[in-house]
N, C-alpha and C. Protein backbone atom coordinates (compact mmCIF):
# COMPACT_ATOMS: atom_id res chain seq x y z
N MET A 1 87.43 102.51 123.94
CA MET A 1 86.70 100.98 122.85
C MET A 1 87.45 101.57 121.63
N ALA A 2 87.64 99.54 120.96
CA ALA A 2 87.61 100.46 119.50
C ALA A 2 86.60 100.50 118.59
N ASP A 3 86.75 101.21 117.95
CA ASP A 3 85.30 101.33 116.55
C ASP A 3 84.80 100.14 116.19
N PRO A 4 84.22 99.57 116.03
CA PRO A 4 83.89 98.97 115.64
C PRO A 4 84.44 98.47 113.81
N ALA A 5 83.97 99.71 113.26
CA ALA A 5 84.16 99.74 111.73
C ALA A 5 85.86 100.21 110.85
N ARG A 6 86.94 100.28 112.53
CA ARG A 6 88.21 99.93 111.64
C ARG A 6 89.00 98.80 112.15
N LEU A 7 89.44 98.31 111.56
CA LEU A 7 90.96 97.36 111.90
C LEU A 7 91.95 97.83 112.03
N ARG A 8 92.33 97.10 113.57
CA ARG A 8 94.11 97.75 113.65
C ARG A 8 94.48 96.54 112.97
N ILE A 9 95.39 96.26 112.04
CA ILE A 9 96.14 95.51 111.13
C ILE A 9 97.22 95.62 111.04
N THR A 10 98.05 94.62 111.70
CA THR A 10 100.26 95.20 111.67
C THR A 10 100.67 94.30 110.41
N VAL A 11 101.30 94.97 109.34
CA VAL A 11 102.19 94.01 107.94
C VAL A 11 103.32 94.23 108.76
N VAL A 12 103.82 93.05 108.10
CA VAL A 12 104.84 92.03 108.99
C VAL A 12 105.98 92.04 107.39
N HIS A 13 106.92 92.19 106.63
CA HIS A 13 108.47 92.04 106.10
C HIS A 13 109.60 91.80 106.29
N SER A 14 110.26 91.13 105.93
CA SER A 14 112.23 90.69 106.38
C SER A 14 112.87 90.14 105.27
N PRO A 15 113.15 92.21 104.47
CA PRO A 15 113.97 91.94 102.92
C PRO A 15 114.94 90.90 102.92
N GLY A 16 115.92 90.54 104.79
CA GLY A 16 116.97 90.34 104.65
C GLY A 16 117.26 88.97 105.80
N PRO A 17 118.27 88.38 105.79
CA PRO A 17 117.98 87.58 107.22
C PRO A 17 118.13 88.66 108.53
N ARG A 18 117.56 88.03 109.64
CA ARG A 18 117.10 89.20 110.93
C ARG A 18 117.44 90.71 110.78
N GLN A 19 116.31 91.46 110.00
CA GLN A 19 115.77 92.17 109.24
C GLN A 19 114.39 92.40 109.45
N VAL A 20 114.03 92.98 110.29
CA VAL A 20 112.23 92.84 110.06
C VAL A 20 111.31 94.66 109.90
N ARG A 21 110.65 94.01 108.98
CA ARG A 21 110.31 95.93 108.88
C ARG A 21 108.72 95.57 109.84
N GLN A 22 107.76 96.77 109.94
CA GLN A 22 106.01 96.15 110.65
C GLN A 22 105.85 97.52 110.52
N TRP A 23 105.26 97.72 110.09
CA TRP A 23 103.44 98.99 109.88
C TRP A 23 102.27 98.25 111.11
N THR A 24 101.34 99.20 111.42
CA THR A 24 100.96 98.79 112.50
C THR A 24 99.66 99.98 111.13
N LEU A 25 98.76 99.39 110.85
CA LEU A 25 97.86 100.50 110.39
C LEU A 25 96.38 99.93 110.82
N ASP A 26 96.09 101.22 110.82
CA ASP A 26 94.40 101.17 110.87
C ASP A 26 93.08 101.59 109.64
N LEU A 27 93.18 100.58 109.18
CA LEU A 27 91.61 100.32 108.04
C LEU A 27 90.17 100.47 108.27
N PRO A 28 89.45 100.54 107.10
CA PRO A 28 88.19 100.87 107.55
C PRO A 28 87.75 98.70 107.69
N ALA A 29 86.87 98.53 108.35
CA ALA A 29 86.64 96.82 108.59
C ALA A 29 86.01 97.06 107.15
N GLY A 30 86.49 95.35 106.87
CA GLY A 30 85.79 95.30 105.16
C GLY A 30 87.16 95.35 104.73
N ALA A 31 88.27 95.41 104.96
CA ALA A 31 89.47 95.40 104.33
C ALA A 31 90.07 93.75 103.69
N THR A 32 91.09 93.84 102.08
CA THR A 32 91.74 93.21 102.04
C THR A 32 92.90 93.08 102.60
N VAL A 33 93.44 91.77 102.11
CA VAL A 33 94.70 91.89 102.38
C VAL A 33 96.04 92.87 101.59
N LEU A 34 95.38 92.63 100.06
CA LEU A 34 96.13 93.31 99.26
C LEU A 34 95.72 95.30 99.59
N GLN A 35 94.68 95.69 99.82
CA GLN A 35 94.82 97.07 100.11
C GLN A 35 95.48 97.42 101.83
N ALA A 36 96.28 96.04 102.50
CA ALA A 36 97.05 96.25 103.57
C ALA A 36 98.18 96.45 103.11
N LEU A 37 98.20 95.63 102.07
CA LEU A 37 99.79 95.59 101.76
C LEU A 37 100.09 97.17 101.50
N HIS A 38 99.07 97.55 100.23
CA HIS A 38 99.21 98.93 99.96
C HIS A 38 99.13 99.91 100.67
N ALA A 39 98.24 99.99 101.49
CA ALA A 39 98.56 101.45 103.04
C ALA A 39 99.81 100.94 103.91
N SER A 40 100.25 99.95 103.76
CA SER A 40 101.42 100.16 104.06
C SER A 40 102.96 100.68 103.54
N GLY A 41 102.74 101.10 101.88
CA GLY A 41 103.87 101.69 101.91
C GLY A 41 104.75 100.77 100.77
N LEU A 42 104.52 98.94 101.34
CA LEU A 42 105.67 98.29 101.28
C LEU A 42 106.46 98.58 99.51
N GLU A 43 104.93 99.42 98.24
CA GLU A 43 105.31 99.03 97.03
C GLU A 43 107.10 100.22 96.52
N GLN A 44 106.70 101.48 98.04
CA GLN A 44 107.72 102.29 97.77
C GLN A 44 109.27 101.84 98.28
N ASP A 45 109.28 101.17 100.07
CA ASP A 45 109.92 100.57 100.60
C ASP A 45 111.09 100.11 100.04
N PHE A 46 110.07 99.13 99.30
CA PHE A 46 110.89 97.90 98.08
C PHE A 46 109.87 98.37 96.93
N PRO A 47 110.65 99.07 96.24
CA PRO A 47 110.61 98.90 94.44
C PRO A 47 110.19 97.75 93.88
N ALA A 48 111.69 96.74 94.21
CA ALA A 48 111.60 95.53 93.74
C ALA A 48 110.13 94.13 94.39
N LEU A 49 109.49 94.81 94.91
CA LEU A 49 108.63 93.08 95.59
C LEU A 49 107.11 93.53 94.75
N ASP A 50 106.91 92.53 93.80
CA ASP A 50 105.43 92.52 93.53
C ASP A 50 104.64 92.76 94.39
N LEU A 51 103.83 92.84 94.42
CA LEU A 51 103.38 93.07 95.60
C LEU A 51 101.78 91.63 94.80
N ALA A 52 101.47 92.01 93.54
CA ALA A 52 100.35 91.12 93.09
C ALA A 52 100.98 89.66 92.72
N THR A 53 102.30 89.01 93.61
CA THR A 53 102.55 88.00 92.41
C THR A 53 103.53 87.38 94.33
N ALA A 54 103.23 87.61 95.17
CA ALA A 54 104.23 88.00 96.48
C ALA A 54 103.30 86.98 97.42
N ALA A 55 104.74 85.74 97.66
CA ALA A 55 103.51 84.70 98.74
C ALA A 55 103.26 86.24 100.16
N VAL A 56 102.15 85.11 100.13
CA VAL A 56 101.43 86.41 101.91
C VAL A 56 100.38 85.47 102.65
N GLY A 57 100.54 85.73 103.90
CA GLY A 57 99.46 84.40 104.08
C GLY A 57 99.64 85.55 105.82
N VAL A 58 98.83 84.98 106.76
CA VAL A 58 98.13 86.06 107.77
C VAL A 58 98.05 85.43 108.48
N TRP A 59 98.79 85.29 109.71
CA TRP A 59 99.41 84.78 110.44
C TRP A 59 100.20 83.54 110.44
N GLY A 60 101.00 83.20 109.11
CA GLY A 60 101.46 82.04 109.29
C GLY A 60 100.42 80.77 108.66
N ARG A 61 99.74 81.34 108.27
CA ARG A 61 98.96 80.20 106.94
C ARG A 61 98.87 80.99 105.82
N LYS A 62 99.01 80.86 104.72
CA LYS A 62 99.34 81.17 103.40
C LYS A 62 98.09 81.63 103.17
N ALA A 63 97.25 82.68 102.13
CA ALA A 63 96.44 83.43 102.10
C ALA A 63 96.25 83.98 100.66
N ALA A 64 95.12 84.55 100.45
CA ALA A 64 95.35 85.47 99.00
C ALA A 64 94.88 86.47 98.73
N ALA A 65 95.35 87.61 97.97
CA ALA A 65 95.27 89.24 98.11
C ALA A 65 94.30 89.21 97.86
N ASN A 66 92.89 88.60 98.32
CA ASN A 66 91.40 89.56 97.74
C ASN A 66 90.45 88.84 99.29
N GLN A 67 91.80 88.38 100.23
CA GLN A 67 91.32 87.18 101.48
C GLN A 67 90.95 88.57 102.61
N PRO A 68 89.86 89.14 103.03
CA PRO A 68 89.42 89.47 103.66
C PRO A 68 89.99 89.99 105.19
N LEU A 69 90.28 90.40 105.92
CA LEU A 69 91.21 91.08 107.40
C LEU A 69 89.82 90.86 109.01
N GLN A 70 90.91 90.99 109.88
CA GLN A 70 89.61 90.81 110.99
C GLN A 70 90.75 91.34 111.58
N ASP A 71 90.12 92.12 112.67
CA ASP A 71 90.66 93.47 113.99
C ASP A 71 91.92 92.20 113.82
N GLY A 72 93.29 93.11 114.53
CA GLY A 72 94.37 91.77 115.02
C GLY A 72 95.22 91.19 114.66
N ASP A 73 94.33 90.93 112.75
CA ASP A 73 95.12 90.17 112.34
C ASP A 73 96.75 90.57 112.09
N ARG A 74 98.01 89.59 112.00
CA ARG A 74 99.15 90.21 111.30
C ARG A 74 99.15 89.24 109.55
N VAL A 75 99.25 90.73 109.05
CA VAL A 75 99.99 89.95 107.33
C VAL A 75 100.89 90.13 107.09
N GLU A 76 101.45 88.91 106.66
CA GLU A 76 103.00 88.84 106.57
C GLU A 76 103.24 88.53 104.89
N VAL A 77 104.85 89.18 104.85
CA VAL A 77 105.02 88.68 103.17
C VAL A 77 105.93 88.32 103.14
N TYR A 78 106.33 86.49 102.98
CA TYR A 78 107.50 85.69 102.63
C TYR A 78 108.46 86.68 101.21
N ARG A 79 109.32 86.18 101.40
CA ARG A 79 110.14 86.19 100.76
C ARG A 79 110.72 84.35 100.09
N ALA A 80 111.21 84.57 99.44
CA ALA A 80 111.60 83.32 98.33
C ALA A 80 112.39 82.89 98.99
N LEU A 81 112.67 81.16 99.61
CA LEU A 81 113.54 80.63 100.38
C LEU A 81 115.17 80.45 99.09
N ARG A 82 116.43 80.80 99.67
CA ARG A 82 117.28 81.16 98.71
C ARG A 82 118.51 79.52 98.15
N VAL A 83 117.67 78.39 99.12
CA VAL A 83 117.86 77.03 99.66
C VAL A 83 116.92 76.11 100.18
N ASP A 84 117.35 75.44 99.23
CA ASP A 84 115.94 73.86 99.60
C ASP A 84 115.82 73.51 100.62
N PRO A 85 115.41 73.67 101.48
CA PRO A 85 116.18 72.91 102.99
C PRO A 85 115.94 71.44 102.98
N LYS A 86 115.87 70.15 102.03
CA LYS A 86 115.99 69.38 101.52
C LYS A 86 117.86 68.95 101.09
N VAL A 87 118.03 70.04 100.43
CA VAL A 87 119.87 69.78 99.89
C VAL A 87 120.61 70.82 101.10
N ALA A 88 119.79 71.59 102.11
CA ALA A 88 120.61 71.55 103.02
C ALA A 88 120.66 71.02 104.30
N ARG A 89 119.66 70.40 104.51
CA ARG A 89 119.65 68.95 105.30
C ARG A 89 121.05 67.75 104.76
N ARG A 90 120.27 67.68 103.90
CA ARG A 90 121.63 66.09 102.62
C ARG A 90 123.43 67.46 102.84
N GLU A 91 123.55 68.41 102.71
CA GLU A 91 124.26 69.35 102.65
C GLU A 91 124.79 68.78 104.17
N ARG A 92 124.79 69.66 104.94
CA ARG A 92 124.81 69.21 106.06
C ARG A 92 125.23 67.84 106.62
N PHE A 93 124.06 66.79 106.49
CA PHE A 93 124.88 65.17 107.18
C PHE A 93 125.81 64.90 106.21
N ARG A 94 125.95 65.12 104.76
CA ARG A 94 127.28 64.74 104.66
C ARG A 94 128.69 65.21 104.56
N SER A 95 128.88 66.67 105.39
CA SER A 95 129.68 67.33 105.97
C SER A 95 129.88 66.78 107.04
N GLN A 96 129.15 66.35 107.41
CA GLN A 96 128.98 65.95 109.63
C GLN A 96 129.28 63.81 109.46
N GLY A 97 129.00 64.11 108.77
CA GLY A 97 129.19 62.57 108.54
C GLY A 97 128.39 61.76 108.97
N ALA A 98 127.93 60.69 109.22
CA ALA A 98 126.98 60.10 109.97
C ALA A 98 126.73 59.57 111.13
N ARG A 99 128.38 59.44 111.68
CA ARG A 99 127.72 59.72 113.39
C ARG A 99 128.46 60.58 114.59
N ALA A 100 127.82 62.19 113.36
CA ALA A 100 127.52 62.52 114.29
C ALA A 100 126.14 63.59 114.03
N ALA A 101 125.78 63.18 113.34
CA ALA A 101 124.46 63.08 112.96
C ALA A 101 123.43 62.20 113.29
N GLY A 102 121.46 62.75 113.55
CA GLY A 102 120.39 61.64 113.49
C GLY A 102 120.87 61.16 114.91
N LEU A 103 119.97 60.23 115.05
CA LEU A 103 118.43 60.31 116.09
C LEU A 103 119.59 59.36 117.40
N PHE A 104 120.82 58.93 116.64
CA PHE A 104 121.78 57.92 118.23
C PHE A 104 123.27 58.61 118.20
N ALA A 105 123.44 59.95 117.77
CA ALA A 105 124.38 60.89 117.54
C ALA A 105 125.09 60.61 119.07
N LYS A 106 124.20 60.89 119.47
CA LYS A 106 124.73 61.62 121.45
C LYS A 106 124.58 60.53 122.20
N ARG A 107 125.63 59.66 122.82
CA ARG A 107 124.47 58.19 123.65
C ARG A 107 126.05 58.34 124.40
N ARG A 108 124.67 57.84 126.15
CA ARG A 108 125.59 57.10 126.68
C ARG A 108 126.67 57.32 126.73
N PRO A 109 127.94 56.70 127.95
CA PRO A 109 128.69 56.03 128.05
C PRO A 109 128.55 55.33 128.13
N GLY A 110 129.45 53.61 127.63
CA GLY A 110 128.86 52.30 128.26
C GLY A 110 127.34 52.20 128.08
N ALA A 111 126.57 52.52 127.19
CA ALA A 111 125.76 52.32 126.24
C ALA A 111 124.95 51.63 125.49
N LYS A 112 124.08 50.89 125.10
CA LYS A 112 123.74 49.59 124.44
C LYS A 112 123.69 50.17 123.05
N PRO A 113 124.30 49.16 121.55
CA PRO A 113 124.41 49.83 119.87
C PRO A 113 122.91 50.57 120.14
N GLY A 114 122.79 51.35 119.30
CA GLY A 114 121.26 51.52 119.12
C GLY A 114 120.84 52.21 119.76
N TYR A 115 120.99 52.83 121.13
CA TYR A 115 120.47 52.89 122.81
C TYR A 115 120.40 54.96 122.41
């Protein structure tokens, strides 16, 4: 049986594309996001990462550093986007052209225009 005074927390960080580092921690009840990050050893593994200003979340939702954790939470450390998704979509559309992209790009042979 799980000890109610302890929390099982997972800390996840992706330093680059297709790279995922994961730590499973056993913390005391009432631990915060920042305490979990310090306990994971992220500072030693990634010295360039500033935990005080890093974007973090719990289960995909943005979280504050002082947010208390619950048993089974997954703390995620996000890295900055290298390209704005809107700009990337515009560039793809520009390179593919209007006929190869969009809702009506794949029409059935003989179908009416717009369907």
